[in-house]
Amino acid sequence: MSNIAIFASGSGTNAENLIRHFNHAGQSKACVKVLLSNNPEAYAITRAARLGVFTRVFDRNELYSSDAIMEELRRQKIDLIVLAGFLWLMPESIVSAFRRRMVNIHPALLPKYGGKGMYGMRVHRAVKAAGERESGVTIHYVTGEYDRGDVIFQASCPVAPDDTPDDIAAKIHRLEQQHFPRVVEEIAAEICPGDRRR
């Protein structure tokens, strides 16, 4: 059984979808052990708690200037980290410890519309402003740079000329809900729980 930690900063629809898939569907060989958030107001915390997942809120100092979060990951015996709408850059200590065992989902077809400050509706507005005919989601490994890790999976959807940024967001959300749990499941299945080099 692979243990998963989710990091989230916002509403948590992807986090909830992952928790339901791994903890409540009854068929997975992985389990979400903890949801961590840098935002005490994040609704992702409420969603996770309602589904019986331990939650922890942390501040910038705990992530970047102490070993508090790494210690929490060790305590929970985490094998895989999933960023589901987490907006801070991960520190090198965690990136190194979880190399190719930490993944993120981005609401565009990277390398387009990635990088610092490109998240949520900002991405969809940029896609619309550029007149793109398609957009999509990218699941990729996390490195020390925003949205620069190797791509694991992409799925696309058409963008119609009359689509609004909200319309694009809805299409992307459907792709996230459809594909994210399955791809994370495949990655978790490849990880040996005994391989904890931390």
C-alpha atoms as a PDB file:
ATOM      1  CA  MET A   1       0.000   0.000   0.000  1.00  0.00           C
ATOM      2  CA  SER A   2       1.440   3.351  -1.078  1.00  0.00           C
ATOM      3  CA  ASN A   3       0.778   6.323   1.202  1.00  0.00           C
ATOM      4  CA  ILE A   4      -0.107   9.632  -0.460  1.00  0.00           C
ATOM      5  CA  ALA A   5       0.121  13.194   0.832  1.00  0.00           C
ATOM      6  CA  ILE A   6      -1.871  15.894  -0.941  1.00  0.00           C
ATOM      7  CA  PHE A   7      -0.831  19.550  -0.859  1.00  0.00           C
ATOM      8  CA  ALA A   8      -3.611  22.030  -1.693  1.00  0.00           C
ATOM      9  CA  SER A   9      -4.156  25.775  -1.419  1.00  0.00           C
ATOM     10  CA  GLY A  10      -7.722  26.282  -2.632  1.00  0.00           C
ATOM     11  CA  SER A  11     -11.190  24.812  -2.922  1.00  0.00           C
ATOM     12  CA  GLY A  12      -9.997  21.225  -3.159  1.00  0.00           C
ATOM     13  CA  THR A  13     -12.192  19.674  -5.835  1.00  0.00           C
ATOM     14  CA  ASN A  14      -9.257  17.667  -7.173  1.00  0.00           C
ATOM     15  CA  ALA A  15      -8.184  16.742  -3.645  1.00  0.00           C
ATOM     16  CA  GLU A  16     -11.674  15.469  -2.833  1.00  0.00           C
ATOM     17  CA  ASN A  17     -11.797  13.485  -6.063  1.00  0.00           C
ATOM     18  CA  LEU A  18      -8.478  11.844  -5.219  1.00  0.00           C
ATOM     19  CA  ILE A  19      -9.519  11.038  -1.649  1.00  0.00           C
ATOM     20  CA  ARG A  20     -12.773   9.478  -2.793  1.00  0.00           C
ATOM     21  CA  HIS A  21     -10.911   7.414  -5.383  1.00  0.00           C
ATOM     22  CA  PHE A  22      -8.169   6.147  -3.089  1.00  0.00           C
ATOM     23  CA  ASN A  23      -9.880   5.955   0.303  1.00  0.00           C
ATOM     24  CA  HIS A  24     -13.503   5.177  -0.482  1.00  0.00           C
ATOM     25  CA  ALA A  25     -13.697   3.263  -3.767  1.00  0.00           C
ATOM     26  CA  GLY A  26     -12.316   0.125  -2.090  1.00  0.00           C
ATOM     27  CA  GLN A  27     -10.184  -1.004  -5.024  1.00  0.00           C
ATOM     28  CA  SER A  28      -6.987   1.024  -4.744  1.00  0.00           C
ATOM     29  CA  LYS A  29      -3.596  -0.120  -3.495  1.00  0.00           C
ATOM     30  CA  ALA A  30      -2.867   3.428  -2.307  1.00  0.00           C
ATOM     31  CA  CYS A  31      -4.320   5.630   0.424  1.00  0.00           C
ATOM     32  CA  VAL A  32      -4.371   9.380   1.051  1.00  0.00           C
ATOM     33  CA  LYS A  33      -2.925   9.752   4.554  1.00  0.00           C
ATOM     34  CA  VAL A  34      -2.792  13.521   4.950  1.00  0.00           C
ATOM     35  CA  LEU A  35      -3.779  16.788   3.286  1.00  0.00           C
ATOM     36  CA  LEU A  36      -1.452  19.705   3.940  1.00  0.00           C
ATOM     37  CA  SER A  37      -2.299  23.322   3.168  1.00  0.00           C
ATOM     38  CA  ASN A  38      -0.576  26.682   3.366  1.00  0.00           C
ATOM     39  CA  ASN A  39      -3.980  28.406   3.465  1.00  0.00           C
ATOM     40  CA  PRO A  40      -6.017  28.088   6.675  1.00  0.00           C
ATOM     41  CA  GLU A  41      -9.111  29.218   4.735  1.00  0.00           C
ATOM     42  CA  ALA A  42      -8.750  26.601   2.009  1.00  0.00           C
ATOM     43  CA  TYR A  43     -11.959  24.633   1.566  1.00  0.00           C
ATOM     44  CA  ALA A  44      -9.775  21.654   0.683  1.00  0.00           C
ATOM     45  CA  ILE A  45      -9.205  21.269   4.431  1.00  0.00           C
ATOM     46  CA  THR A  46     -12.922  20.939   5.084  1.00  0.00           C
ATOM     47  CA  ARG A  47     -13.374  18.485   2.237  1.00  0.00           C
ATOM     48  CA  ALA A  48     -10.544  16.269   3.474  1.00  0.00           C
ATOM     49  CA  ALA A  49     -11.675  16.346   7.096  1.00  0.00           C
ATOM     50  CA  ARG A  50     -15.210  15.360   6.107  1.00  0.00           C
ATOM     51  CA  LEU A  51     -13.764  12.339   4.340  1.00  0.00           C
ATOM     52  CA  GLY A  52     -11.741  11.284   7.369  1.00  0.00           C
ATOM     53  CA  VAL A  53      -8.304  12.426   6.182  1.00  0.00           C
ATOM     54  CA  PHE A  54      -5.887  14.030   8.644  1.00  0.00           C
ATOM     55  CA  THR A  55      -5.166  17.673   7.792  1.00  0.00           C
ATOM     56  CA  ARG A  56      -2.404  20.069   8.700  1.00  0.00           C
ATOM     57  CA  VAL A  57      -2.008  23.786   8.023  1.00  0.00           C
ATOM     58  CA  PHE A  58       1.510  25.181   7.810  1.00  0.00           C
ATOM     59  CA  ASP A  59       3.125  28.551   7.258  1.00  0.00           C
ATOM     60  CA  ARG A  60       6.031  29.711   5.109  1.00  0.00           C
ATOM     61  CA  ASN A  61       8.546  29.257   7.908  1.00  0.00           C
ATOM     62  CA  GLU A  62       7.555  25.634   8.514  1.00  0.00           C
ATOM     63  CA  LEU A  63       7.967  24.811   4.832  1.00  0.00           C
ATOM     64  CA  TYR A  64      11.104  26.748   3.951  1.00  0.00           C
ATOM     65  CA  SER A  65      13.023  27.307   7.187  1.00  0.00           C
ATOM     66  CA  SER A  66      12.469  24.160   9.224  1.00  0.00           C
ATOM     67  CA  ASP A  67      12.115  20.397   8.901  1.00  0.00           C
ATOM     68  CA  ALA A  68       8.535  20.436  10.207  1.00  0.00           C
ATOM     69  CA  ILE A  69       6.857  19.383   6.966  1.00  0.00           C
ATOM     70  CA  MET A  70       9.482  16.779   6.124  1.00  0.00           C
ATOM     71  CA  GLU A  71       9.035  15.343   9.606  1.00  0.00           C
ATOM     72  CA  GLU A  72       5.279  15.165   9.041  1.00  0.00           C
ATOM     73  CA  LEU A  73       5.833  13.311   5.779  1.00  0.00           C
ATOM     74  CA  ARG A  74       8.126  10.849   7.530  1.00  0.00           C
ATOM     75  CA  ARG A  75       5.641  10.401  10.379  1.00  0.00           C
ATOM     76  CA  GLN A  76       2.900   9.577   7.883  1.00  0.00           C
ATOM     77  CA  LYS A  77       5.291   7.256   5.969  1.00  0.00           C
ATOM     78  CA  ILE A  78       4.509   9.052   2.707  1.00  0.00           C
ATOM     79  CA  ASP A  79       5.563   7.414  -0.558  1.00  0.00           C
ATOM     80  CA  LEU A  80       4.042   9.867  -3.040  1.00  0.00           C
ATOM     81  CA  ILE A  81       3.215  13.588  -2.911  1.00  0.00           C
ATOM     82  CA  VAL A  82       0.436  15.010  -5.082  1.00  0.00           C
ATOM     83  CA  LEU A  83       0.085  18.760  -5.600  1.00  0.00           C
ATOM     84  CA  ALA A  84      -3.568  19.523  -6.279  1.00  0.00           C
ATOM     85  CA  GLY A  85      -3.845  23.275  -6.628  1.00  0.00           C
ATOM     86  CA  PHE A  86      -0.861  24.058  -4.414  1.00  0.00           C
ATOM     87  CA  LEU A  87       0.583  27.465  -5.284  1.00  0.00           C
ATOM     88  CA  TRP A  88       3.958  27.598  -3.507  1.00  0.00           C
ATOM     89  CA  LEU A  89       7.199  26.323  -4.956  1.00  0.00           C
ATOM     90  CA  MET A  90       8.329  23.201  -3.138  1.00  0.00           C
ATOM     91  CA  PRO A  91      11.675  23.516  -1.294  1.00  0.00           C
ATOM     92  CA  GLU A  92      14.688  21.658  -2.628  1.00  0.00           C
ATOM     93  CA  SER A  93      14.859  19.404   0.446  1.00  0.00           C
ATOM     94  CA  ILE A  94      11.438  17.913  -0.355  1.00  0.00           C
ATOM     95  CA  VAL A  95      12.034  17.911  -4.118  1.00  0.00           C
ATOM     96  CA  SER A  96      15.226  15.904  -3.588  1.00  0.00           C
ATOM     97  CA  ALA A  97      13.667  13.463  -1.137  1.00  0.00           C
ATOM     98  CA  PHE A  98      10.698  12.808  -3.418  1.00  0.00           C
ATOM     99  CA  ARG A  99      12.371  12.978  -6.818  1.00  0.00           C
ATOM    100  CA  ARG A 100       9.994  11.455  -9.366  1.00  0.00           C
ATOM    101  CA  ARG A 101       7.630  10.693  -6.496  1.00  0.00           C
ATOM    102  CA  MET A 102       5.958  14.117  -6.448  1.00  0.00           C
ATOM    103  CA  VAL A 103       3.478  15.132  -9.142  1.00  0.00           C
ATOM    104  CA  ASN A 104       1.431  18.187 -10.031  1.00  0.00           C
ATOM    105  CA  ILE A 105      -1.551  18.845 -12.271  1.00  0.00           C
ATOM    106  CA  HIS A 106      -1.554  22.015 -14.387  1.00  0.00           C
ATOM    107  CA  PRO A 107      -4.657  23.369 -16.196  1.00  0.00           C
ATOM    108  CA  ALA A 108      -2.998  23.837 -19.599  1.00  0.00           C
ATOM    109  CA  LEU A 109      -0.931  21.967 -22.138  1.00  0.00           C
ATOM    110  CA  LEU A 110       2.592  22.639 -20.911  1.00  0.00           C
ATOM    111  CA  PRO A 111       4.974  24.112 -21.868  1.00  0.00           C
ATOM    112  CA  LYS A 112       2.353  26.677 -22.864  1.00  0.00           C
ATOM    113  CA  TYR A 113       0.840  28.811 -20.100  1.00  0.00           C
ATOM    114  CA  GLY A 114       3.021  27.558 -17.290  1.00  0.00           C
ATOM    115  CA  GLY A 115       5.368  29.159 -14.807  1.00  0.00           C
ATOM    116  CA  LYS A 116       5.092  31.416 -11.799  1.00  0.00           C
ATOM    117  CA  GLY A 117       1.744  33.153 -11.491  1.00  0.00           C
ATOM    118  CA  MET A 118       0.041  30.939 -14.074  1.00  0.00           C
ATOM    119  CA  TYR A 119      -2.716  29.110 -12.237  1.00  0.00           C
ATOM    120  CA  GLY A 120      -6.498  28.798 -12.208  1.00  0.00           C
ATOM    121  CA  MET A 121      -8.450  31.418 -14.126  1.00  0.00           C
ATOM    122  CA  ARG A 122      -5.253  33.258 -15.050  1.00  0.00           C
ATOM    123  CA  VAL A 123      -4.412  30.345 -17.307  1.00  0.00           C
ATOM    124  CA  HIS A 124      -7.854  30.170 -18.902  1.00  0.00           C
ATOM    125  CA  ARG A 125      -7.927  33.929 -19.546  1.00  0.00           C
ATOM    126  CA  ALA A 126      -4.518  33.687 -21.216  1.00  0.00           C
ATOM    127  CA  VAL A 127      -5.669  30.778 -23.380  1.00  0.00           C
ATOM    128  CA  LYS A 128      -8.734  32.762 -24.443  1.00  0.00           C
ATOM    129  CA  ALA A 129      -6.765  35.956 -25.102  1.00  0.00           C
ATOM    130  CA  ALA A 130      -4.308  34.067 -27.317  1.00  0.00           C
ATOM    131  CA  GLY A 131      -7.109  32.605 -29.434  1.00  0.00           C
ATOM    132  CA  GLU A 132      -6.057  29.030 -28.811  1.00  0.00           C
ATOM    133  CA  ARG A 133      -8.148  26.315 -30.428  1.00  0.00           C
ATOM    134  CA  GLU A 134      -7.394  23.773 -27.719  1.00  0.00           C
ATOM    135  CA  SER A 135      -6.339  23.549 -24.108  1.00  0.00           C
ATOM    136  CA  GLY A 136      -6.041  20.729 -21.641  1.00  0.00           C
ATOM    137  CA  VAL A 137      -4.342  19.357 -18.557  1.00  0.00           C
ATOM    138  CA  THR A 138      -0.790  18.285 -17.881  1.00  0.00           C
ATOM    139  CA  ILE A 139       0.315  15.958 -15.093  1.00  0.00           C
ATOM    140  CA  HIS A 140       4.047  16.242 -14.523  1.00  0.00           C
ATOM    141  CA  TYR A 141       6.794  15.501 -12.032  1.00  0.00           C
ATOM    142  CA  VAL A 142       7.682  18.352  -9.680  1.00  0.00           C
ATOM    143  CA  THR A 143      11.117  19.978  -9.745  1.00  0.00           C
ATOM    144  CA  GLY A 144      12.559  23.114  -8.182  1.00  0.00           C
ATOM    145  CA  GLU A 145      10.990  25.248 -10.930  1.00  0.00           C
ATOM    146  CA  TYR A 146       7.335  25.925 -11.620  1.00  0.00           C
ATOM    147  CA  ASP A 147       5.853  23.578 -14.223  1.00  0.00           C
ATOM    148  CA  ARG A 148       9.202  22.419 -15.641  1.00  0.00           C
ATOM    149  CA  GLY A 149       9.239  18.745 -14.642  1.00  0.00           C
ATOM    150  CA  ASP A 150       8.921  15.868 -17.100  1.00  0.00           C
ATOM    151  CA  VAL A 151       5.427  15.411 -18.483  1.00  0.00           C
ATOM    152  CA  ILE A 152       3.695  12.197 -17.411  1.00  0.00           C
ATOM    153  CA  PHE A 153       0.320  12.677 -19.098  1.00  0.00           C
ATOM    154  CA  GLN A 154      -1.636  15.216 -21.118  1.00  0.00           C
ATOM    155  CA  ALA A 155      -5.248  15.355 -22.250  1.00  0.00           C
ATOM    156  CA  SER A 156      -6.719  18.037 -24.479  1.00  0.00           C
ATOM    157  CA  CYS A 157     -10.092  19.575 -25.212  1.00  0.00           C
ATOM    158  CA  PRO A 158     -11.270  21.928 -27.976  1.00  0.00           C
ATOM    159  CA  VAL A 159     -11.698  25.631 -27.293  1.00  0.00           C
ATOM    160  CA  ALA A 160     -14.529  27.099 -29.352  1.00  0.00           C
ATOM    161  CA  PRO A 161     -14.312  30.694 -30.621  1.00  0.00           C
ATOM    162  CA  ASP A 162     -17.219  31.710 -28.394  1.00  0.00           C
ATOM    163  CA  ASP A 163     -15.966  29.931 -25.255  1.00  0.00           C
ATOM    164  CA  THR A 164     -15.445  32.204 -22.266  1.00  0.00           C
ATOM    165  CA  PRO A 165     -12.669  31.627 -19.717  1.00  0.00           C
ATOM    166  CA  ASP A 166     -15.362  30.097 -17.487  1.00  0.00           C
ATOM    167  CA  ASP A 167     -16.329  27.699 -20.277  1.00  0.00           C
ATOM    168  CA  ILE A 168     -12.694  26.689 -20.699  1.00  0.00           C
ATOM    169  CA  ALA A 169     -12.372  26.206 -16.942  1.00  0.00           C
ATOM    170  CA  ALA A 170     -15.364  23.860 -16.935  1.00  0.00           C
ATOM    171  CA  LYS A 171     -13.860  21.757 -19.725  1.00  0.00           C
ATOM    172  CA  ILE A 172     -10.531  21.562 -17.916  1.00  0.00           C
ATOM    173  CA  HIS A 173     -12.251  20.593 -14.677  1.00  0.00           C
ATOM    174  CA  ARG A 174     -13.912  17.654 -16.402  1.00  0.00           C
ATOM    175  CA  LEU A 175     -10.533  16.479 -17.711  1.00  0.00           C
ATOM    176  CA  GLU A 176      -9.005  16.788 -14.237  1.00  0.00           C
ATOM    177  CA  GLN A 177     -11.783  14.791 -12.638  1.00  0.00           C
ATOM    178  CA  GLN A 178     -11.590  12.111 -15.327  1.00  0.00           C
ATOM    179  CA  HIS A 179      -7.848  11.576 -15.534  1.00  0.00           C
ATOM    180  CA  PHE A 180      -6.079  12.708 -12.353  1.00  0.00           C
ATOM    181  CA  PRO A 181      -7.008   9.784 -10.058  1.00  0.00           C
ATOM    182  CA  ARG A 182      -6.210   7.204 -12.735  1.00  0.00           C
ATOM    183  CA  VAL A 183      -2.782   8.645 -13.523  1.00  0.00           C
ATOM    184  CA  VAL A 184      -1.889   9.013  -9.841  1.00  0.00           C
ATOM    185  CA  GLU A 185      -3.017   5.414  -9.307  1.00  0.00           C
ATOM    186  CA  GLU A 186      -0.624   4.255 -12.021  1.00  0.00           C
ATOM    187  CA  ILE A 187       2.259   6.205 -10.504  1.00  0.00           C
ATOM    188  CA  ALA A 188       1.492   4.927  -6.991  1.00  0.00           C
ATOM    189  CA  ALA A 189       1.455   1.354  -8.286  1.00  0.00           C
ATOM    190  CA  GLU A 190       5.012   1.765  -9.585  1.00  0.00           C
ATOM    191  CA  ILE A 191       6.367   2.961  -6.234  1.00  0.00           C
ATOM    192  CA  CYS A 192       7.706   0.415  -3.797  1.00  0.00           C
ATOM    193  CA  PRO A 193       6.481   1.398  -0.298  1.00  0.00           C
ATOM    194  CA  GLY A 194       9.700   0.076   1.167  1.00  0.00           C
ATOM    195  CA  ASP A 195      11.753   2.533  -0.857  1.00  0.00           C
ATOM    196  CA  ARG A 196      11.811   5.567   1.440  1.00  0.00           C
ATOM    197  CA  ARG A 197      15.134   7.293   0.927  1.00  0.00           C
ATOM    198  CA  ARG A 198      14.542  10.002   3.531  1.00  0.00           C
END
